[in-house]
């Protein structure tokens, strides 16, 4: 009987140790999958900024466009890797837009192409680009902010702001609203 009791106690201790190991594994798993705000920079998973460092943006623009330069500065400040391609004329910029089949009504001043092949036309907010690249919609080729809305990223003008829409460009030439920017803070 004493041997059976010792066996039961030993078995319970082993089970308790295993349970502690399982609890520790669960804690480790929770630490790895918890939001960044909880675990800080100790997470081994890439942050959005780390992902952006791997995604290069090639910005095709005319040399005389100051707002394009401002948009590039915003992108760099948001950890994007930028290749700035200054083209000799608006006609060369139009060729890039034609190459990516950007409809005339969706065009703006500069055309940005990501290293993963998506196109971003005009003053697309970095927040919208990040959301798009983290989960690209099916059949989408990119995003556009048609025209040059006052107060959009790179088009800041004091306190002036004009609400605008970020449009999703689709493979079949159609487009739809991806995001509505009703106030400046919606961009960041």
Protein backbone atom coordinates (compact mmCIF):
# COMPACT_ATOMS: atom_id res chain seq x y z
CA UNK A 1 0.00 0.00 0.00
CA UNK A 2 2.86 2.34 0.87
CA UNK A 3 4.38 1.78 -2.60
CA UNK A 4 1.05 2.57 -4.27
CA UNK A 5 0.72 5.76 -2.21
CA UNK A 6 4.26 6.80 -3.11
CA UNK A 7 3.50 6.10 -6.76
CA UNK A 8 0.34 8.26 -6.61
CA UNK A 9 2.18 11.14 -4.89
CA UNK A 10 5.03 10.92 -7.38
CA UNK A 11 2.55 10.87 -10.27
CA UNK A 12 0.77 13.93 -8.89
CA UNK A 13 4.07 15.79 -8.55
CA UNK A 14 5.02 14.94 -12.12
CA UNK A 15 1.61 16.09 -13.37
CA UNK A 16 1.95 19.31 -11.37
CA UNK A 17 5.39 19.93 -12.91
CA UNK A 18 4.02 19.29 -16.37
CA UNK A 19 1.14 21.66 -15.70
CA UNK A 20 3.60 24.36 -14.65
CA UNK A 21 5.55 23.78 -17.87
CA UNK A 22 2.32 24.02 -19.90
CA UNK A 23 1.35 27.21 -18.08
CA UNK A 24 4.82 28.62 -18.81
CA UNK A 25 4.47 27.68 -22.50
CA UNK A 26 1.07 29.40 -22.59
CA UNK A 27 2.56 32.51 -20.97
CA UNK A 28 5.37 32.52 -23.53
CA UNK A 29 2.84 32.17 -26.35
CA UNK A 30 0.75 35.03 -24.93
CA UNK A 31 3.86 37.21 -24.71
CA UNK A 32 4.64 36.55 -28.37
CA UNK A 33 1.14 37.27 -29.58
CA UNK A 34 0.21 40.13 -27.26
CA UNK A 35 -0.21 43.60 -28.75
CA UNK A 36 2.99 45.59 -29.17
CA UNK A 37 1.82 48.10 -26.56
CA UNK A 38 1.93 45.30 -23.98
CA UNK A 39 5.24 43.67 -24.85
CA UNK A 40 7.14 46.67 -26.12
CA UNK A 41 9.99 46.15 -28.55
CA UNK A 42 10.95 42.76 -27.13
CA UNK A 43 8.59 41.02 -29.56
CA UNK A 44 10.28 38.94 -32.22
CA UNK A 45 7.51 39.76 -34.71
CA UNK A 46 8.07 42.70 -37.07
CA UNK A 47 6.28 45.95 -36.35
CA UNK A 48 4.59 47.93 -39.11
CA UNK A 49 7.66 50.18 -39.20
CA UNK A 50 9.95 47.15 -39.61
CA UNK A 51 7.76 45.88 -42.45
CA UNK A 52 7.94 49.30 -44.14
CA UNK A 53 11.73 49.21 -44.03
CA UNK A 54 11.56 46.10 -46.22
CA UNK A 55 9.07 47.67 -48.66
CA UNK A 56 10.78 50.19 -50.94
CA UNK A 57 8.69 52.89 -52.58
CA UNK A 58 9.79 54.30 -55.93
CA UNK A 59 8.35 57.79 -56.30
CA UNK A 60 8.12 59.00 -59.90
CA UNK A 61 7.74 62.77 -60.06
CA UNK A 62 8.42 65.92 -62.00
CA UNK A 63 11.41 67.96 -60.85
CA UNK A 64 9.31 71.09 -60.34
CA UNK A 65 6.78 69.62 -57.91
CA UNK A 66 7.40 70.79 -54.34
CA UNK A 67 4.43 68.96 -52.84
CA UNK A 68 5.82 65.64 -54.07
CA UNK A 69 9.01 66.36 -52.14
CA UNK A 70 6.94 67.12 -49.02
CA UNK A 71 5.07 63.81 -49.40
CA UNK A 72 8.43 62.00 -49.67
CA UNK A 73 9.62 63.67 -46.46
CA UNK A 74 6.48 62.45 -44.65
CA UNK A 75 7.07 58.91 -45.97
CA UNK A 76 10.70 58.93 -44.81
CA UNK A 77 9.65 60.20 -41.38
CA UNK A 78 7.25 57.25 -41.23
CA UNK A 79 10.11 54.76 -41.84
CA UNK A 80 9.50 54.08 -45.55
CA UNK A 81 12.50 53.43 -47.80
CA UNK A 82 12.21 55.85 -50.73
CA UNK A 83 13.77 55.84 -54.16
CA UNK A 84 13.10 59.31 -55.58
CA UNK A 85 12.97 59.23 -59.40
CA UNK A 86 12.94 62.74 -60.80
CA UNK A 87 11.67 62.67 -64.38
CA UNK A 88 12.53 65.26 -67.01
CA UNK A 89 8.97 66.25 -67.89
CA UNK A 90 5.29 65.86 -67.12
CA UNK A 91 5.08 63.73 -70.27
CA UNK A 92 7.48 61.20 -68.69
CA UNK A 93 5.35 61.16 -65.52
CA UNK A 94 2.26 60.56 -67.69
CA UNK A 95 4.01 57.57 -69.30
CA UNK A 96 4.41 55.99 -65.85
CA UNK A 97 0.71 56.58 -65.13
CA UNK A 98 -0.18 55.00 -68.48
CA UNK A 99 2.08 52.04 -67.76
CA UNK A 100 0.11 51.32 -64.56
CA UNK A 101 -3.26 52.01 -66.23
CA UNK A 102 -4.22 54.82 -63.86
CA UNK A 103 -7.48 56.32 -65.11
CA UNK A 104 -7.29 60.04 -65.95
CA UNK A 105 -9.82 60.92 -63.23
CA UNK A 106 -7.66 59.13 -60.61
CA UNK A 107 -4.41 60.90 -61.48
CA UNK A 108 -2.43 63.31 -59.36
CA UNK A 109 1.08 64.73 -59.37
CA UNK A 110 3.33 61.75 -58.53
CA UNK A 111 3.09 57.99 -58.97
CA UNK A 112 4.62 55.69 -56.38
CA UNK A 113 5.28 52.00 -56.96
CA UNK A 114 6.02 49.62 -54.08
CA UNK A 115 8.63 46.88 -54.33
CA UNK A 116 5.74 44.41 -54.14
CA UNK A 117 4.27 45.94 -57.33
CA UNK A 118 1.40 48.03 -55.98
CA UNK A 119 0.85 51.58 -57.20
CA UNK A 120 0.01 54.62 -55.06
CA UNK A 121 -1.10 57.66 -56.99
CA UNK A 122 -0.79 61.11 -55.46
CA UNK A 123 -0.94 62.12 -51.83
CA UNK A 124 -1.99 58.78 -50.34
CA UNK A 125 -1.61 58.87 -46.54
CA UNK A 126 1.01 56.51 -45.13
CA UNK A 127 -1.66 55.09 -42.78
CA UNK A 128 -3.75 54.00 -45.79
CA UNK A 129 -0.70 52.53 -47.58
CA UNK A 130 0.22 50.53 -44.49
CA UNK A 131 -3.33 49.16 -44.14
CA UNK A 132 -3.40 48.30 -47.85
CA UNK A 133 -0.01 46.56 -47.90
CA UNK A 134 -0.71 44.59 -44.72
CA UNK A 135 -3.90 43.19 -46.26
CA UNK A 136 -4.14 43.92 -50.01
CA UNK A 137 -7.73 43.70 -51.26
CA UNK A 138 -8.34 41.06 -53.90
CA UNK A 139 -8.09 42.41 -57.47
CA UNK A 140 -6.57 45.72 -56.30
CA UNK A 141 -3.52 47.27 -57.93
CA UNK A 142 -3.17 50.11 -55.44
CA UNK A 143 -4.60 53.34 -54.07
CA UNK A 144 -5.08 56.87 -55.35
CA UNK A 145 -5.87 60.31 -54.03
CA UNK A 146 -7.09 62.09 -57.16
CA UNK A 147 -6.16 65.72 -57.67
CA UNK A 148 -4.27 67.38 -54.84
CA UNK A 149 -6.59 67.97 -51.85
CA UNK A 150 -5.58 70.86 -49.60
CA UNK A 151 -4.39 69.51 -46.27
CA UNK A 152 -3.58 66.03 -47.55
CA UNK A 153 -0.16 64.57 -46.73
CA UNK A 154 2.38 66.82 -48.46
CA UNK A 155 -0.26 69.45 -49.28
CA UNK A 156 -0.49 71.05 -45.84
CA UNK A 157 -1.48 74.71 -45.96
CA UNK A 158 -1.59 76.19 -42.50
CA UNK A 159 -4.79 75.04 -40.85
CA UNK A 160 -6.70 74.54 -44.10
CA UNK A 161 -8.08 71.09 -44.82
CA UNK A 162 -10.40 69.66 -47.44
CA UNK A 163 -11.93 66.22 -46.70
CA UNK A 164 -11.11 63.65 -49.37
CA UNK A 165 -11.34 59.99 -50.27
CA UNK A 166 -8.58 57.45 -50.81
CA UNK A 167 -9.64 55.35 -53.78
CA UNK A 168 -8.82 51.69 -54.39
CA UNK A 169 -7.67 51.02 -57.95
CA UNK A 170 -8.69 47.63 -59.35
CA UNK A 171 -7.22 45.42 -62.10
CA UNK A 172 -10.29 45.86 -64.29
CA UNK A 173 -9.96 49.67 -64.34
CA UNK A 174 -12.70 50.30 -61.80
CA UNK A 175 -12.19 52.08 -58.51
CA UNK A 176 -13.97 52.37 -55.20
CA UNK A 177 -13.57 54.16 -51.88
CA UNK A 178 -10.89 52.58 -49.70
CA UNK A 179 -10.93 55.21 -46.92
CA UNK A 180 -12.58 58.54 -46.15
CA UNK A 181 -10.36 61.23 -44.70
CA UNK A 182 -12.67 63.64 -42.91
CA UNK A 183 -10.08 65.41 -40.76
CA UNK A 184 -6.29 65.74 -40.71
CA UNK A 185 -5.88 63.22 -37.87
CA UNK A 186 -7.45 60.50 -40.06
CA UNK A 187 -4.26 60.56 -42.15
CA UNK A 188 -1.86 59.56 -39.38
